[in-house]
N, C-alpha and C. Protein backbone atom coordinates (compact mmCIF):
# COMPACT_ATOMS: atom_id res chain seq x y z
N MET A 1 159.17 22.94 184.10
CA MET A 1 159.40 24.19 184.81
C MET A 1 159.30 25.39 183.89
N PRO A 2 159.91 25.41 182.68
CA PRO A 2 159.78 26.55 181.79
C PRO A 2 158.34 26.81 181.39
N LYS A 3 157.53 25.72 181.26
CA LYS A 3 156.13 25.92 180.87
C LYS A 3 155.37 26.68 181.95
N LYS A 4 155.64 26.36 183.23
CA LYS A 4 154.98 27.06 184.33
C LYS A 4 155.35 28.54 184.33
N SER A 5 156.63 28.87 184.08
CA SER A 5 157.08 30.26 184.06
C SER A 5 156.43 31.02 182.92
N THR A 6 156.39 30.37 181.76
CA THR A 6 155.77 31.01 180.59
C THR A 6 154.29 31.26 180.85
N PHE A 7 153.62 30.26 181.44
CA PHE A 7 152.20 30.43 181.74
C PHE A 7 151.98 31.56 182.75
N ALA A 8 152.82 31.61 183.79
CA ALA A 8 152.69 32.66 184.81
C ALA A 8 152.91 34.04 184.19
N LEU A 9 153.90 34.15 183.31
CA LEU A 9 154.18 35.42 182.64
C LEU A 9 153.00 35.83 181.75
N ALA A 10 152.48 34.86 180.99
CA ALA A 10 151.34 35.14 180.12
C ALA A 10 150.12 35.57 180.94
N ALA A 11 149.91 34.91 182.07
CA ALA A 11 148.77 35.26 182.93
C ALA A 11 148.93 36.66 183.50
N ALA A 12 150.15 37.00 183.90
CA ALA A 12 150.40 38.34 184.45
C ALA A 12 150.18 39.41 183.39
N VAL A 13 150.66 39.16 182.18
CA VAL A 13 150.47 40.12 181.10
C VAL A 13 148.99 40.26 180.76
N ALA A 14 148.29 39.12 180.70
CA ALA A 14 146.86 39.16 180.35
C ALA A 14 146.06 39.90 181.42
N THR A 15 146.40 39.71 182.68
CA THR A 15 145.66 40.42 183.72
C THR A 15 146.01 41.89 183.78
N GLY A 16 147.24 42.23 183.47
CA GLY A 16 147.67 43.63 183.52
C GLY A 16 147.26 44.44 182.32
N LEU A 17 147.00 43.76 181.20
CA LEU A 17 146.68 44.47 179.97
C LEU A 17 145.46 45.36 180.10
N PRO A 18 144.36 44.90 180.69
CA PRO A 18 143.21 45.81 180.84
C PRO A 18 143.55 47.06 181.66
N LEU A 19 144.45 46.91 182.63
CA LEU A 19 144.84 48.07 183.42
C LEU A 19 145.58 49.09 182.59
N VAL A 20 146.35 48.62 181.63
CA VAL A 20 147.12 49.53 180.79
C VAL A 20 146.23 50.20 179.76
N THR A 21 145.31 49.44 179.17
CA THR A 21 144.50 49.98 178.07
C THR A 21 143.23 50.68 178.55
N ALA A 22 142.77 50.36 179.75
CA ALA A 22 141.51 50.95 180.23
C ALA A 22 141.79 52.16 181.10
N THR A 23 142.38 53.18 180.53
CA THR A 23 142.66 54.40 181.30
C THR A 23 141.40 55.25 181.37
N PRO A 24 141.21 55.98 182.45
CA PRO A 24 140.01 56.81 182.57
C PRO A 24 140.06 57.98 181.60
N ALA A 25 138.87 58.45 181.24
CA ALA A 25 138.81 59.63 180.36
C ALA A 25 139.30 60.84 181.13
N LEU A 26 140.19 61.60 180.54
CA LEU A 26 140.73 62.79 181.18
C LEU A 26 140.10 64.01 180.56
N SER A 27 139.80 64.98 181.39
CA SER A 27 139.18 66.20 180.89
C SER A 27 140.22 67.31 180.86
N HIS A 28 140.23 68.07 179.80
CA HIS A 28 141.17 69.17 179.66
C HIS A 28 140.53 70.27 178.83
N GLY A 29 140.91 71.53 179.10
CA GLY A 29 140.39 72.62 178.30
C GLY A 29 140.97 73.96 178.69
N TYR A 30 140.84 74.91 177.77
CA TYR A 30 141.34 76.27 178.01
C TYR A 30 140.43 77.27 177.31
N THR A 31 140.41 78.51 177.84
CA THR A 31 139.58 79.54 177.23
C THR A 31 140.32 80.17 176.05
N THR A 32 139.54 80.43 175.01
CA THR A 32 140.09 81.08 173.81
C THR A 32 139.57 82.50 173.65
N THR A 33 138.37 82.78 174.22
CA THR A 33 137.78 84.10 174.14
C THR A 33 137.15 84.42 175.49
N PRO A 34 137.67 85.41 176.23
CA PRO A 34 138.89 86.14 175.93
C PRO A 34 140.11 85.23 176.05
N VAL A 35 141.18 85.60 175.40
CA VAL A 35 142.38 84.77 175.39
C VAL A 35 142.92 84.64 176.81
N SER A 36 143.14 83.40 177.21
CA SER A 36 143.67 83.15 178.56
C SER A 36 145.19 83.28 178.57
N ARG A 37 145.73 83.41 179.78
CA ARG A 37 147.18 83.44 179.93
C ARG A 37 147.80 82.16 179.37
N ALA A 38 147.16 81.03 179.61
CA ALA A 38 147.68 79.75 179.11
C ALA A 38 147.74 79.75 177.59
N LEU A 39 146.71 80.30 176.93
CA LEU A 39 146.70 80.34 175.47
C LEU A 39 147.73 81.33 174.95
N HIS A 40 147.92 82.46 175.62
CA HIS A 40 148.97 83.39 175.22
C HIS A 40 150.32 82.69 175.23
N CYS A 41 150.54 81.84 176.23
CA CYS A 41 151.80 81.10 176.30
C CYS A 41 151.91 80.10 175.15
N LYS A 42 150.82 79.39 174.86
CA LYS A 42 150.82 78.43 173.75
C LYS A 42 151.10 79.12 172.42
N GLN A 43 150.50 80.28 172.22
CA GLN A 43 150.65 81.00 170.95
C GLN A 43 152.00 81.72 170.84
N GLY A 44 152.73 81.83 171.95
CA GLY A 44 154.02 82.51 171.93
C GLY A 44 153.89 84.02 172.05
N THR A 45 152.68 84.52 172.29
CA THR A 45 152.48 85.95 172.52
C THR A 45 153.24 86.39 173.76
N VAL A 46 153.30 85.48 174.74
CA VAL A 46 154.06 85.69 175.97
C VAL A 46 155.09 84.57 176.05
N THR A 47 156.32 84.91 176.43
CA THR A 47 157.39 83.92 176.51
C THR A 47 157.78 83.65 177.96
N ASN A 48 158.71 82.74 178.14
CA ASN A 48 159.18 82.34 179.47
C ASN A 48 158.04 81.82 180.34
N CYS A 49 157.22 80.96 179.74
CA CYS A 49 156.05 80.41 180.42
C CYS A 49 156.29 79.02 181.00
N GLY A 50 157.40 78.39 180.65
CA GLY A 50 157.62 77.03 181.10
C GLY A 50 156.75 76.05 180.31
N PRO A 51 156.51 74.87 180.87
CA PRO A 51 155.83 73.81 180.11
C PRO A 51 154.36 74.08 179.78
N ILE A 52 153.75 75.10 180.38
CA ILE A 52 152.34 75.39 180.05
C ILE A 52 152.18 75.72 178.57
N GLN A 53 153.26 76.17 177.92
CA GLN A 53 153.16 76.49 176.50
C GLN A 53 152.78 75.27 175.67
N TRP A 54 153.06 74.08 176.17
CA TRP A 54 152.68 72.86 175.45
C TRP A 54 151.41 72.23 176.00
N GLU A 55 150.94 72.71 177.15
CA GLU A 55 149.77 72.10 177.79
C GLU A 55 148.80 73.14 178.34
N PRO A 56 148.31 74.06 177.54
CA PRO A 56 147.40 75.09 178.08
C PRO A 56 146.11 74.50 178.63
N GLN A 57 145.79 73.29 178.21
CA GLN A 57 144.56 72.63 178.63
C GLN A 57 144.69 71.92 179.98
N SER A 58 145.86 71.96 180.60
CA SER A 58 146.11 71.14 181.79
C SER A 58 146.09 71.88 183.11
N VAL A 59 145.53 73.08 183.15
CA VAL A 59 145.53 73.86 184.40
C VAL A 59 144.39 73.36 185.28
N GLU A 60 144.67 72.27 185.98
CA GLU A 60 143.67 71.54 186.75
C GLU A 60 144.06 71.52 188.22
N GLY A 61 143.08 71.77 189.08
CA GLY A 61 143.33 71.74 190.52
C GLY A 61 142.06 71.38 191.26
N PRO A 62 142.11 71.41 192.58
CA PRO A 62 140.94 71.03 193.38
C PRO A 62 139.74 71.94 193.10
N LYS A 63 138.55 71.32 193.06
CA LYS A 63 137.35 72.14 192.84
C LYS A 63 136.81 72.66 194.16
N GLY A 64 135.72 73.42 194.07
CA GLY A 64 135.09 73.98 195.26
C GLY A 64 135.37 75.46 195.45
N PHE A 65 135.92 76.10 194.41
CA PHE A 65 136.25 77.51 194.49
C PHE A 65 134.98 78.34 194.68
N PRO A 66 134.97 79.35 195.53
CA PRO A 66 136.08 79.93 196.27
C PRO A 66 136.29 79.37 197.68
N ALA A 67 135.36 78.53 198.19
CA ALA A 67 135.52 78.01 199.55
C ALA A 67 136.75 77.10 199.65
N ARG A 68 137.01 76.35 198.60
CA ARG A 68 138.17 75.47 198.54
C ARG A 68 138.92 75.77 197.25
N GLY A 69 139.74 74.85 196.81
CA GLY A 69 140.47 75.05 195.56
C GLY A 69 141.87 75.58 195.81
N PRO A 70 142.50 76.11 194.75
CA PRO A 70 143.89 76.58 194.88
C PRO A 70 144.03 77.70 195.90
N ALA A 71 145.20 77.76 196.51
CA ALA A 71 145.49 78.80 197.50
C ALA A 71 145.58 80.16 196.82
N ASP A 72 145.32 81.21 197.59
CA ASP A 72 145.50 82.57 197.09
C ASP A 72 146.92 82.75 196.57
N GLY A 73 147.05 83.47 195.48
CA GLY A 73 148.34 83.68 194.85
C GLY A 73 148.74 82.57 193.91
N LYS A 74 147.97 81.46 193.92
CA LYS A 74 148.27 80.31 193.06
C LYS A 74 147.04 79.89 192.26
N ILE A 75 146.08 80.79 192.15
CA ILE A 75 144.79 80.47 191.52
C ILE A 75 144.94 80.29 190.02
N CYS A 76 145.67 81.17 189.35
CA CYS A 76 145.78 81.08 187.88
C CYS A 76 146.48 79.81 187.43
N ALA A 77 147.34 79.24 188.29
CA ALA A 77 148.03 77.98 187.99
C ALA A 77 147.31 76.79 188.61
N ALA A 78 146.13 77.01 189.19
CA ALA A 78 145.33 75.97 189.83
C ALA A 78 146.10 75.29 190.96
N GLY A 79 147.07 76.00 191.54
CA GLY A 79 147.85 75.43 192.64
C GLY A 79 148.90 74.44 192.20
N ASP A 80 149.14 74.31 190.91
CA ASP A 80 150.12 73.36 190.36
C ASP A 80 151.41 74.11 190.05
N SER A 81 152.48 73.75 190.71
CA SER A 81 153.76 74.48 190.56
C SER A 81 154.31 74.42 189.13
N ARG A 82 153.90 73.41 188.34
CA ARG A 82 154.38 73.34 186.95
C ARG A 82 153.90 74.54 186.13
N TRP A 83 152.77 75.09 186.52
CA TRP A 83 152.18 76.20 185.75
C TRP A 83 152.37 77.54 186.46
N ALA A 84 153.27 77.61 187.42
CA ALA A 84 153.49 78.82 188.23
C ALA A 84 153.66 80.11 187.43
N PRO A 85 154.24 80.09 186.21
CA PRO A 85 154.33 81.34 185.45
C PRO A 85 152.98 82.02 185.20
N LEU A 86 151.88 81.27 185.26
CA LEU A 86 150.56 81.87 185.06
C LEU A 86 150.16 82.75 186.25
N ASP A 87 150.74 82.49 187.42
CA ASP A 87 150.45 83.31 188.60
C ASP A 87 151.28 84.58 188.64
N ASN A 88 152.33 84.63 187.85
CA ASN A 88 153.20 85.81 187.83
C ASN A 88 152.46 86.95 187.14
N PRO A 89 152.17 88.05 187.86
CA PRO A 89 151.41 89.14 187.25
C PRO A 89 152.20 89.92 186.19
N ARG A 90 153.51 89.65 186.08
CA ARG A 90 154.36 90.32 185.08
C ARG A 90 154.19 91.83 185.13
N ASN A 91 154.10 92.34 186.36
CA ASN A 91 153.97 93.78 186.58
C ASN A 91 152.74 94.37 185.89
N GLY A 92 151.70 93.55 185.76
CA GLY A 92 150.46 94.01 185.13
C GLY A 92 150.56 94.14 183.62
N GLN A 93 151.51 93.42 183.00
CA GLN A 93 151.76 93.58 181.56
C GLN A 93 151.31 92.40 180.70
N TRP A 94 150.50 91.49 181.22
CA TRP A 94 149.95 90.44 180.36
C TRP A 94 149.12 91.10 179.25
N PRO A 95 149.14 90.58 178.02
CA PRO A 95 148.26 91.12 176.98
C PRO A 95 146.81 91.03 177.44
N ALA A 96 146.04 92.07 177.14
CA ALA A 96 144.65 92.15 177.62
C ALA A 96 143.69 92.28 176.45
N THR A 97 142.56 91.56 176.54
CA THR A 97 141.49 91.65 175.55
C THR A 97 140.62 92.86 175.87
N SER A 98 140.30 93.67 174.87
CA SER A 98 139.45 94.85 175.06
C SER A 98 137.98 94.44 175.10
N LEU A 99 137.28 94.88 176.15
CA LEU A 99 135.86 94.58 176.33
C LEU A 99 135.10 95.87 176.62
N THR A 100 133.77 95.82 176.46
CA THR A 100 132.91 96.96 176.79
C THR A 100 131.89 96.52 177.82
N SER A 101 131.87 97.18 178.97
CA SER A 101 130.96 96.77 180.05
C SER A 101 129.51 96.92 179.60
N GLY A 102 128.68 96.03 180.13
CA GLY A 102 127.25 96.06 179.84
C GLY A 102 126.85 95.41 178.53
N GLN A 103 127.81 95.02 177.70
CA GLN A 103 127.47 94.40 176.42
C GLN A 103 127.42 92.88 176.56
N SER A 104 126.72 92.26 175.61
CA SER A 104 126.69 90.81 175.57
C SER A 104 128.03 90.30 175.03
N TYR A 105 128.50 89.19 175.58
CA TYR A 105 129.80 88.66 175.19
C TYR A 105 129.74 87.14 175.24
N SER A 106 130.43 86.49 174.30
CA SER A 106 130.49 85.03 174.28
C SER A 106 131.86 84.57 174.77
N PHE A 107 131.85 83.84 175.85
CA PHE A 107 133.06 83.22 176.39
C PHE A 107 133.21 81.86 175.75
N ARG A 108 134.41 81.56 175.25
CA ARG A 108 134.61 80.31 174.51
C ARG A 108 135.75 79.48 175.11
N TRP A 109 135.53 78.18 175.12
CA TRP A 109 136.51 77.20 175.56
C TRP A 109 136.80 76.23 174.43
N THR A 110 138.02 75.73 174.38
CA THR A 110 138.38 74.57 173.57
C THR A 110 138.64 73.44 174.55
N LEU A 111 137.89 72.36 174.43
CA LEU A 111 138.04 71.21 175.31
C LEU A 111 138.73 70.09 174.52
N THR A 112 139.89 69.70 174.98
CA THR A 112 140.62 68.65 174.28
C THR A 112 140.16 67.27 174.71
N ALA A 113 139.48 67.18 175.84
CA ALA A 113 138.88 65.93 176.30
C ALA A 113 137.68 66.27 177.18
N PRO A 114 136.51 66.48 176.57
CA PRO A 114 135.32 66.85 177.36
C PRO A 114 135.00 65.80 178.42
N HIS A 115 134.42 66.26 179.51
CA HIS A 115 134.14 65.39 180.65
C HIS A 115 132.80 65.79 181.25
N ALA A 116 132.21 64.89 182.01
CA ALA A 116 130.96 65.21 182.72
C ALA A 116 131.16 66.48 183.52
N THR A 117 130.23 67.43 183.37
CA THR A 117 130.44 68.78 183.88
C THR A 117 129.34 69.21 184.84
N THR A 118 129.75 69.85 185.92
CA THR A 118 128.79 70.47 186.83
C THR A 118 128.43 71.85 186.32
N SER A 119 129.46 72.69 186.08
CA SER A 119 129.19 74.06 185.64
C SER A 119 130.44 74.72 185.09
N PHE A 120 130.22 75.81 184.40
CA PHE A 120 131.27 76.76 184.03
C PHE A 120 130.90 78.06 184.74
N ARG A 121 131.87 78.65 185.46
CA ARG A 121 131.60 79.88 186.21
C ARG A 121 132.66 80.93 185.87
N TYR A 122 132.23 82.19 185.87
CA TYR A 122 133.11 83.30 185.49
C TYR A 122 133.10 84.36 186.58
N PHE A 123 134.28 84.59 187.16
CA PHE A 123 134.47 85.60 188.20
C PHE A 123 135.29 86.75 187.62
N ILE A 124 135.17 87.92 188.21
CA ILE A 124 135.96 89.07 187.75
C ILE A 124 136.52 89.82 188.97
N THR A 125 137.63 90.48 188.75
CA THR A 125 138.26 91.24 189.83
C THR A 125 137.41 92.44 190.24
N ARG A 126 137.55 92.82 191.49
CA ARG A 126 136.85 93.98 192.04
C ARG A 126 137.47 95.27 191.51
N ASP A 127 136.72 96.33 191.54
CA ASP A 127 137.27 97.64 191.22
C ASP A 127 138.37 97.96 192.23
N GLY A 128 139.47 98.50 191.74
CA GLY A 128 140.57 98.87 192.62
C GLY A 128 141.55 97.76 192.92
N TRP A 129 141.37 96.58 192.33
CA TRP A 129 142.33 95.49 192.56
C TRP A 129 143.69 95.87 191.99
N ASN A 130 144.73 95.21 192.41
CA ASN A 130 146.09 95.53 191.98
C ASN A 130 146.59 94.51 190.96
N PRO A 131 146.65 94.87 189.67
CA PRO A 131 147.07 93.92 188.64
C PRO A 131 148.55 93.54 188.71
N THR A 132 149.32 94.17 189.59
CA THR A 132 150.74 93.81 189.72
C THR A 132 150.95 92.77 190.81
N GLN A 133 149.85 92.28 191.42
CA GLN A 133 149.94 91.27 192.47
C GLN A 133 149.28 89.97 191.99
N PRO A 134 149.76 88.81 192.47
CA PRO A 134 149.10 87.54 192.12
C PRO A 134 147.63 87.55 192.58
N LEU A 135 146.80 86.82 191.87
CA LEU A 135 145.36 86.81 192.13
C LEU A 135 145.02 86.15 193.46
N THR A 136 144.14 86.82 194.22
CA THR A 136 143.62 86.27 195.48
C THR A 136 142.10 86.31 195.44
N ARG A 137 141.48 85.61 196.35
CA ARG A 137 140.02 85.63 196.46
C ARG A 137 139.52 87.03 196.80
N ALA A 138 140.26 87.74 197.66
CA ALA A 138 139.85 89.08 198.06
C ALA A 138 139.84 90.04 196.88
N ALA A 139 140.62 89.74 195.83
CA ALA A 139 140.67 90.60 194.65
C ALA A 139 139.49 90.38 193.71
N LEU A 140 138.73 89.30 193.93
CA LEU A 140 137.61 88.94 193.05
C LEU A 140 136.28 89.32 193.67
N ASP A 141 135.30 89.66 192.82
CA ASP A 141 133.92 89.75 193.28
C ASP A 141 133.55 88.38 193.85
N SER A 142 132.78 88.35 194.92
CA SER A 142 132.53 87.09 195.62
C SER A 142 131.67 86.10 194.85
N GLN A 143 130.86 86.59 193.93
CA GLN A 143 129.97 85.72 193.15
C GLN A 143 130.33 85.78 191.67
N PRO A 144 130.14 84.68 190.95
CA PRO A 144 130.39 84.73 189.50
C PRO A 144 129.37 85.65 188.82
N PHE A 145 129.80 86.37 187.79
CA PHE A 145 128.86 87.21 187.06
C PHE A 145 128.14 86.42 185.97
N LEU A 146 128.64 85.21 185.70
CA LEU A 146 128.01 84.32 184.72
C LEU A 146 128.24 82.89 185.17
N GLN A 147 127.19 82.07 185.09
CA GLN A 147 127.30 80.65 185.43
C GLN A 147 126.41 79.85 184.50
N GLN A 148 126.96 78.79 183.94
CA GLN A 148 126.21 77.87 183.08
C GLN A 148 126.28 76.49 183.73
N ASN A 149 125.13 75.96 184.13
CA ASN A 149 125.07 74.65 184.76
C ASN A 149 124.85 73.56 183.72
N TYR A 150 125.50 72.42 183.93
CA TYR A 150 125.41 71.31 182.97
C TYR A 150 124.80 70.06 183.57
N GLY A 151 124.64 69.99 184.87
CA GLY A 151 123.97 68.84 185.49
C GLY A 151 124.61 67.50 185.19
N GLY A 152 125.93 67.47 185.03
CA GLY A 152 126.63 66.22 184.76
C GLY A 152 126.75 65.87 183.29
N GLN A 153 126.16 66.66 182.40
CA GLN A 153 126.27 66.37 180.97
C GLN A 153 127.69 66.63 180.47
N ARG A 154 128.04 65.98 179.39
CA ARG A 154 129.36 66.12 178.78
C ARG A 154 129.25 67.15 177.64
N PRO A 155 129.98 68.27 177.72
CA PRO A 155 129.90 69.28 176.66
C PRO A 155 130.65 68.83 175.40
N SER A 156 130.43 69.56 174.33
CA SER A 156 131.16 69.28 173.09
C SER A 156 132.59 69.81 173.22
N SER A 157 133.40 69.62 172.21
CA SER A 157 134.80 70.06 172.28
C SER A 157 134.96 71.57 172.13
N SER A 158 133.92 72.24 171.65
CA SER A 158 133.93 73.70 171.55
C SER A 158 132.72 74.23 172.31
N VAL A 159 132.97 75.01 173.35
CA VAL A 159 131.91 75.46 174.24
C VAL A 159 131.84 76.98 174.22
N SER A 160 130.62 77.51 174.21
CA SER A 160 130.42 78.96 174.22
C SER A 160 129.33 79.30 175.22
N HIS A 161 129.58 80.34 176.03
CA HIS A 161 128.59 80.82 177.00
C HIS A 161 128.42 82.31 176.83
N SER A 162 127.20 82.73 176.58
CA SER A 162 126.94 84.17 176.38
C SER A 162 126.34 84.77 177.64
N GLY A 163 126.78 86.00 177.92
CA GLY A 163 126.26 86.71 179.07
C GLY A 163 126.59 88.18 178.96
N THR A 164 126.03 88.97 179.86
CA THR A 164 126.27 90.41 179.88
C THR A 164 127.50 90.70 180.73
N LEU A 165 128.41 91.47 180.18
CA LEU A 165 129.61 91.84 180.91
C LEU A 165 129.26 92.79 182.05
N PRO A 166 129.90 92.64 183.20
CA PRO A 166 129.60 93.53 184.33
C PRO A 166 130.08 94.95 184.08
N ALA A 167 129.56 95.87 184.85
CA ALA A 167 129.95 97.29 184.75
C ALA A 167 131.32 97.46 185.39
N LYS A 168 132.32 97.58 184.56
CA LYS A 168 133.70 97.73 185.02
C LYS A 168 134.39 98.76 184.13
N SER A 169 135.52 99.26 184.60
CA SER A 169 136.35 100.12 183.76
C SER A 169 137.81 99.82 184.06
N GLY A 170 138.65 100.03 183.06
CA GLY A 170 140.08 99.80 183.24
C GLY A 170 140.45 98.32 183.17
N ARG A 171 141.61 98.01 183.71
CA ARG A 171 142.17 96.66 183.62
C ARG A 171 141.56 95.75 184.69
N HIS A 172 141.21 94.53 184.26
CA HIS A 172 140.66 93.52 185.15
C HIS A 172 141.14 92.14 184.75
N LEU A 173 140.81 91.17 185.56
CA LEU A 173 141.14 89.78 185.25
C LEU A 173 139.86 88.96 185.41
N ILE A 174 139.60 88.09 184.44
CA ILE A 174 138.45 87.18 184.51
C ILE A 174 138.98 85.80 184.81
N LEU A 175 138.44 85.18 185.85
CA LEU A 175 138.77 83.81 186.21
C LEU A 175 137.62 82.92 185.77
N ALA A 176 137.90 82.00 184.85
CA ALA A 176 136.91 81.02 184.40
C ALA A 176 137.20 79.70 185.09
N VAL A 177 136.15 79.10 185.66
CA VAL A 177 136.30 77.84 186.40
C VAL A 177 135.36 76.81 185.77
N TRP A 178 135.94 75.71 185.30
CA TRP A 178 135.17 74.59 184.74
C TRP A 178 135.14 73.49 185.79
N ASP A 179 133.98 73.30 186.43
CA ASP A 179 133.83 72.30 187.48
C ASP A 179 133.46 70.94 186.89
N ILE A 180 134.27 69.94 187.17
CA ILE A 180 134.05 68.59 186.65
C ILE A 180 133.11 67.85 187.61
N ALA A 181 132.15 67.11 187.05
CA ALA A 181 131.12 66.48 187.87
C ALA A 181 131.61 65.22 188.58
N ASP A 182 132.44 64.41 187.93
CA ASP A 182 132.75 63.10 188.48
C ASP A 182 134.20 62.95 188.96
N THR A 183 134.86 64.07 189.22
CA THR A 183 136.17 64.02 189.87
C THR A 183 136.19 65.13 190.93
N GLY A 184 137.25 65.20 191.69
CA GLY A 184 137.39 66.23 192.70
C GLY A 184 138.06 67.49 192.18
N ASN A 185 138.15 67.63 190.85
CA ASN A 185 138.92 68.73 190.27
C ASN A 185 138.09 69.68 189.42
N ALA A 186 138.73 70.79 189.10
CA ALA A 186 138.18 71.80 188.20
C ALA A 186 139.34 72.34 187.37
N PHE A 187 139.01 73.00 186.29
CA PHE A 187 140.02 73.66 185.46
C PHE A 187 139.88 75.16 185.64
N TYR A 188 141.03 75.84 185.73
CA TYR A 188 141.09 77.28 186.00
C TYR A 188 141.78 77.98 184.85
N GLN A 189 141.19 79.08 184.39
CA GLN A 189 141.78 79.88 183.32
C GLN A 189 141.67 81.35 183.67
N CYS A 190 142.79 82.05 183.61
CA CYS A 190 142.82 83.49 183.88
C CYS A 190 143.00 84.25 182.57
N SER A 191 142.15 85.24 182.35
CA SER A 191 142.23 86.09 181.17
C SER A 191 142.31 87.54 181.59
N ASP A 192 143.30 88.24 181.09
CA ASP A 192 143.46 89.67 181.37
C ASP A 192 142.63 90.46 180.36
N VAL A 193 141.88 91.42 180.86
CA VAL A 193 140.97 92.20 180.02
C VAL A 193 141.07 93.68 180.38
N THR A 194 140.63 94.52 179.43
CA THR A 194 140.56 95.96 179.68
C THR A 194 139.18 96.44 179.23
N PHE A 195 138.49 97.14 180.13
CA PHE A 195 137.21 97.73 179.82
C PHE A 195 137.44 99.20 179.45
N GLY A 196 137.02 99.57 178.22
CA GLY A 196 137.24 100.93 177.78
C GLY A 196 135.97 101.74 177.83
């Protein structure tokens, strides 16, 4: 009888072991240029951010933006309540990167676990948007001003996309969306900027 139990236990462990060790590759990343809200929290530039300060790369939610994806007012946190401090506009006082409209600019990501990618897309707020309110689709230009398609390829751990900045002035917010090819999710990063 003990031999049968030992054999059954060994068989269960042997069958379960591949399930434990064969975890799927997870994709994670955050924007570094311009500095995202998540990175400001990681660096301690902004405090009272909650757990995002340890996981700036984890702002992941449903893809398909703007038709689908996170609900209005929850876009910067990708609809994940753990990252809700990213949706707080802080009365329009998030640190902002200075930019010049019409100039070429390199947007940079740090990917802690690169994954098969559909695209990286960059949206910006409309003129006259209210920086003291959480981000909504109505506050954004309807089309991305920059898009880089990857066709399912896996990017390197450091990604850069160059493009011309749109004609804007004053304070704005750039929403960067990294669409994953082989899951139903995307990563969302909000960066506060000022055009002088």
